[in-house]
C-alpha atoms as a PDB file:
ATOM      1  CA  MET A   1      63.928  16.125  20.881  1.00  0.00           C
ATOM      2  CA  ARG A   2      61.111  15.508  18.439  1.00  0.00           C
ATOM      3  CA  VAL A   3      57.628  15.199  19.913  1.00  0.00           C
ATOM      4  CA  THR A   4      55.525  12.509  18.182  1.00  0.00           C
ATOM      5  CA  ASN A   5      52.231  12.726  20.085  1.00  0.00           C
ATOM      6  CA  ALA A   6      52.254   8.927  19.854  1.00  0.00           C
ATOM      7  CA  ALA A   7      49.661   8.126  22.502  1.00  0.00           C
ATOM      8  CA  ALA A   8      47.037  10.481  21.063  1.00  0.00           C
ATOM      9  CA  SER A   9      47.759   9.379  17.473  1.00  0.00           C
ATOM     10  CA  ARG A  10      47.485   5.719  18.402  1.00  0.00           C
ATOM     11  CA  LYS A  11      44.239   6.358  20.262  1.00  0.00           C
ATOM     12  CA  ARG A  12      42.786   8.257  17.302  1.00  0.00           C
ATOM     13  CA  ARG A  13      43.765   5.529  14.846  1.00  0.00           C
ATOM     14  CA  LYS A  14      42.560   2.755  17.133  1.00  0.00           C
ATOM     15  CA  ARG A  15      39.196   4.498  17.489  1.00  0.00           C
ATOM     16  CA  MET A  16      38.838   4.607  13.692  1.00  0.00           C
ATOM     17  CA  VAL A  17      39.769   0.937  13.235  1.00  0.00           C
ATOM     18  CA  THR A  18      37.336  -0.003  16.026  1.00  0.00           C
ATOM     19  CA  ALA A  19      34.589   1.946  14.243  1.00  0.00           C
ATOM     20  CA  ALA A  20      35.277  -0.186  11.157  1.00  0.00           C
ATOM     21  CA  LYS A  21      34.433  -3.380  13.041  1.00  0.00           C
ATOM     22  CA  GLY A  22      32.345  -5.659  10.860  1.00  0.00           C
ATOM     23  CA  TYR A  23      33.832  -4.424   7.606  1.00  0.00           C
ATOM     24  CA  ARG A  24      35.599  -7.020   5.459  1.00  0.00           C
ATOM     25  CA  MET A  25      39.279  -7.581   4.729  1.00  0.00           C
ATOM     26  CA  ARG A  26      41.697  -4.661   5.052  1.00  0.00           C
ATOM     27  CA  ARG A  27      38.882  -2.156   5.604  1.00  0.00           C
ATOM     28  CA  SER A  28      38.570  -3.551   9.136  1.00  0.00           C
ATOM     29  CA  LYS A  29      42.295  -3.888   9.887  1.00  0.00           C
ATOM     30  CA  LEU A  30      44.340  -1.125   8.259  1.00  0.00           C
ATOM     31  CA  TYR A  31      43.905   2.494   9.326  1.00  0.00           C
ATOM     32  CA  ARG A  32      44.053   4.072   5.871  1.00  0.00           C
ATOM     33  CA  TYR A  33      41.320   1.862   4.419  1.00  0.00           C
ATOM     34  CA  ALA A  34      39.272   1.810   7.610  1.00  0.00           C
ATOM     35  CA  SER A  35      39.288   5.609   7.703  1.00  0.00           C
ATOM     36  CA  ASP A  36      37.954   5.867   4.145  1.00  0.00           C
ATOM     37  CA  ALA A  37      35.318   3.203   4.783  1.00  0.00           C
ATOM     38  CA  VAL A  38      34.092   4.755   8.033  1.00  0.00           C
ATOM     39  CA  ASP A  39      33.965   8.254   6.505  1.00  0.00           C
ATOM     40  CA  HIS A  40      31.884   6.989   3.584  1.00  0.00           C
ATOM     41  CA  GLY A  41      29.662   4.994   5.917  1.00  0.00           C
ATOM     42  CA  ARG A  42      28.986   8.033   8.071  1.00  0.00           C
ATOM     43  CA  GLN A  43      28.125  10.130   5.002  1.00  0.00           C
ATOM     44  CA  TYR A  44      25.645   7.491   3.860  1.00  0.00           C
ATOM     45  CA  ALA A  45      24.148   7.259   7.340  1.00  0.00           C
ATOM     46  CA  TYR A  46      23.675  11.045   7.517  1.00  0.00           C
ATOM     47  CA  ARG A  47      22.066  11.156   4.066  1.00  0.00           C
ATOM     48  CA  ASP A  48      19.868   8.121   4.575  1.00  0.00           C
ATOM     49  CA  ARG A  49      18.442   9.328   7.876  1.00  0.00           C
ATOM     50  CA  ARG A  50      16.698  11.940   5.719  1.00  0.00           C
ATOM     51  CA  VAL A  51      15.918   9.592   2.823  1.00  0.00           C
ATOM     52  CA  LYS A  52      14.240   7.180   5.249  1.00  0.00           C
ATOM     53  CA  LYS A  53      11.598   9.790   6.076  1.00  0.00           C
ATOM     54  CA  ARG A  54      10.794  10.264   2.377  1.00  0.00           C
ATOM     55  CA  THR A  55      10.651   6.533   1.773  1.00  0.00           C
ATOM     56  CA  PHE A  56       8.247   5.904   4.630  1.00  0.00           C
ATOM     57  CA  ARG A  57       5.960   8.756   3.596  1.00  0.00           C
ATOM     58  CA  TYR A  58       5.811   7.273   0.075  1.00  0.00           C
ATOM     59  CA  LEU A  59       5.023   3.831   1.512  1.00  0.00           C
ATOM     60  CA  TRP A  60       2.215   5.279   3.636  1.00  0.00           C
ATOM     61  CA  GLN A  61       0.742   7.042   0.602  1.00  0.00           C
ATOM     62  CA  VAL A  62       0.750   3.800  -1.398  1.00  0.00           C
ATOM     63  CA  ARG A  63      -1.002   1.919   1.413  1.00  0.00           C
ATOM     64  CA  ILE A  64      -3.611   4.637   1.911  1.00  0.00           C
ATOM     65  CA  ASN A  65      -4.253   4.836  -1.840  1.00  0.00           C
ATOM     66  CA  ALA A  66      -4.758   1.069  -2.107  1.00  0.00           C
ATOM     67  CA  ALA A  67      -7.236   1.006   0.780  1.00  0.00           C
ATOM     68  CA  ALA A  68      -9.028   4.153  -0.407  1.00  0.00           C
ATOM     69  CA  ARG A  69      -9.469   2.800  -3.946  1.00  0.00           C
ATOM     70  CA  ALA A  70     -10.832  -0.449  -2.505  1.00  0.00           C
ATOM     71  CA  ALA A  71     -13.380   1.729  -0.686  1.00  0.00           C
ATOM     72  CA  GLY A  72     -14.263   3.579  -3.912  1.00  0.00           C
ATOM     73  CA  ILE A  73     -12.377   6.891  -3.617  1.00  0.00           C
ATOM     74  CA  THR A  74      -8.994   8.086  -4.866  1.00  0.00           C
ATOM     75  CA  TYR A  75      -6.121   9.045  -2.565  1.00  0.00           C
ATOM     76  CA  SER A  76      -6.208  12.724  -3.456  1.00  0.00           C
ATOM     77  CA  ARG A  77      -9.980  13.011  -2.939  1.00  0.00           C
ATOM     78  CA  PHE A  78      -9.693  11.099   0.336  1.00  0.00           C
ATOM     79  CA  ILE A  79      -7.016  13.451   1.692  1.00  0.00           C
ATOM     80  CA  GLU A  80      -8.956  16.481   0.426  1.00  0.00           C
ATOM     81  CA  GLY A  81     -12.067  15.227   2.207  1.00  0.00           C
ATOM     82  CA  LEU A  82     -10.209  14.639   5.466  1.00  0.00           C
ATOM     83  CA  LYS A  83      -8.775  18.159   5.318  1.00  0.00           C
ATOM     84  CA  ALA A  84     -12.254  19.559   4.662  1.00  0.00           C
ATOM     85  CA  ALA A  85     -13.570  17.552   7.638  1.00  0.00           C
ATOM     86  CA  LYS A  86     -10.726  18.956   9.770  1.00  0.00           C
ATOM     87  CA  CYS A  87      -9.468  15.437  10.550  1.00  0.00           C
ATOM     88  CA  ALA A  88      -6.011  15.730  12.129  1.00  0.00           C
ATOM     89  CA  LEU A  89      -4.755  12.197  11.458  1.00  0.00           C
ATOM     90  CA  ASP A  90      -1.415  12.026   9.687  1.00  0.00           C
ATOM     91  CA  ARG A  91      -0.464   9.623   6.916  1.00  0.00           C
ATOM     92  CA  LYS A  92       1.396   7.273   9.260  1.00  0.00           C
ATOM     93  CA  VAL A  93      -1.738   6.672  11.339  1.00  0.00           C
ATOM     94  CA  LEU A  94      -3.958   6.476   8.252  1.00  0.00           C
ATOM     95  CA  ALA A  95      -1.681   3.845   6.691  1.00  0.00           C
ATOM     96  CA  ASP A  96      -1.719   1.825   9.916  1.00  0.00           C
ATOM     97  CA  LEU A  97      -5.527   1.966  10.015  1.00  0.00           C
ATOM     98  CA  ALA A  98      -5.701   0.981   6.347  1.00  0.00           C
ATOM     99  CA  ALA A  99      -3.527  -2.069   6.992  1.00  0.00           C
ATOM    100  CA  THR A 100      -4.935  -3.230  10.340  1.00  0.00           C
ATOM    101  CA  ASP A 101      -8.439  -1.839  10.921  1.00  0.00           C
ATOM    102  CA  ALA A 102     -10.628  -1.874   7.811  1.00  0.00           C
ATOM    103  CA  ALA A 103     -13.780  -0.818   9.677  1.00  0.00           C
ATOM    104  CA  ALA A 104     -12.188   2.343  11.060  1.00  0.00           C
ATOM    105  CA  PHE A 105     -10.716   3.187   7.657  1.00  0.00           C
ATOM    106  CA  THR A 106     -14.112   2.727   6.001  1.00  0.00           C
ATOM    107  CA  HIS A 107     -15.577   5.130   8.574  1.00  0.00           C
ATOM    108  CA  LEU A 108     -12.878   7.677   7.696  1.00  0.00           C
ATOM    109  CA  VAL A 109     -13.710   7.275   3.995  1.00  0.00           C
ATOM    110  CA  LYS A 110     -17.357   8.016   4.819  1.00  0.00           C
ATOM    111  CA  ILE A 111     -16.333  11.129   6.776  1.00  0.00           C
ATOM    112  CA  ALA A 112     -14.183  12.296   3.840  1.00  0.00           C
ATOM    113  CA  GLN A 113     -16.998  11.706   1.322  1.00  0.00           C
ATOM    114  CA  ASP A 114     -19.511  13.605   3.476  1.00  0.00           C
ATOM    115  CA  ALA A 115     -17.089  16.533   3.824  1.00  0.00           C
ATOM    116  CA  LEU A 116     -16.564  16.588   0.057  1.00  0.00           C
ATOM    117  CA  LYS A 117     -20.331  16.642  -0.546  1.00  0.00           C
ATOM    118  CA  ALA A 118     -20.720  19.522   1.916  1.00  0.00           C
ATOM    119  CA  LYS A 119     -17.876  21.315   0.140  1.00  0.00           C
ATOM    120  CA  GLY A 120     -19.589  20.780  -3.218  1.00  0.00           C
ATOM    121  CA  VAL A 121     -17.001  18.475  -4.790  1.00  0.00           C
ATOM    122  CA  LYS A 122     -17.978  15.307  -6.621  1.00  0.00           C
ATOM    123  CA  ALA A 123     -16.441  12.437  -4.615  1.00  0.00           C
END
């Protein structure tokens, strides 16, 4: 007698079609198309979990640069000054301060400029 492993196969296929819930047309109903769609979707999700980190870092840099230039210093000089002042704030926090708390960001700009002067760099 031929063994088909029907219960396990059905469960595996049902799991794949269930994972394709929300997809349109035959991608959500037929195993062959659902399998391809879910596999591609999972590849994109894996890749974009890493891309998201790059995208947010770029966004933070743009926000910091805009606020720093409004305060009269470039982004690179601002970061250099903070490093010289041994300020341990990361770009996420700096971008949040730039967007929400202008007074605190202005104080950080002053700290960076003072550290640059002490270092001997024209700010």
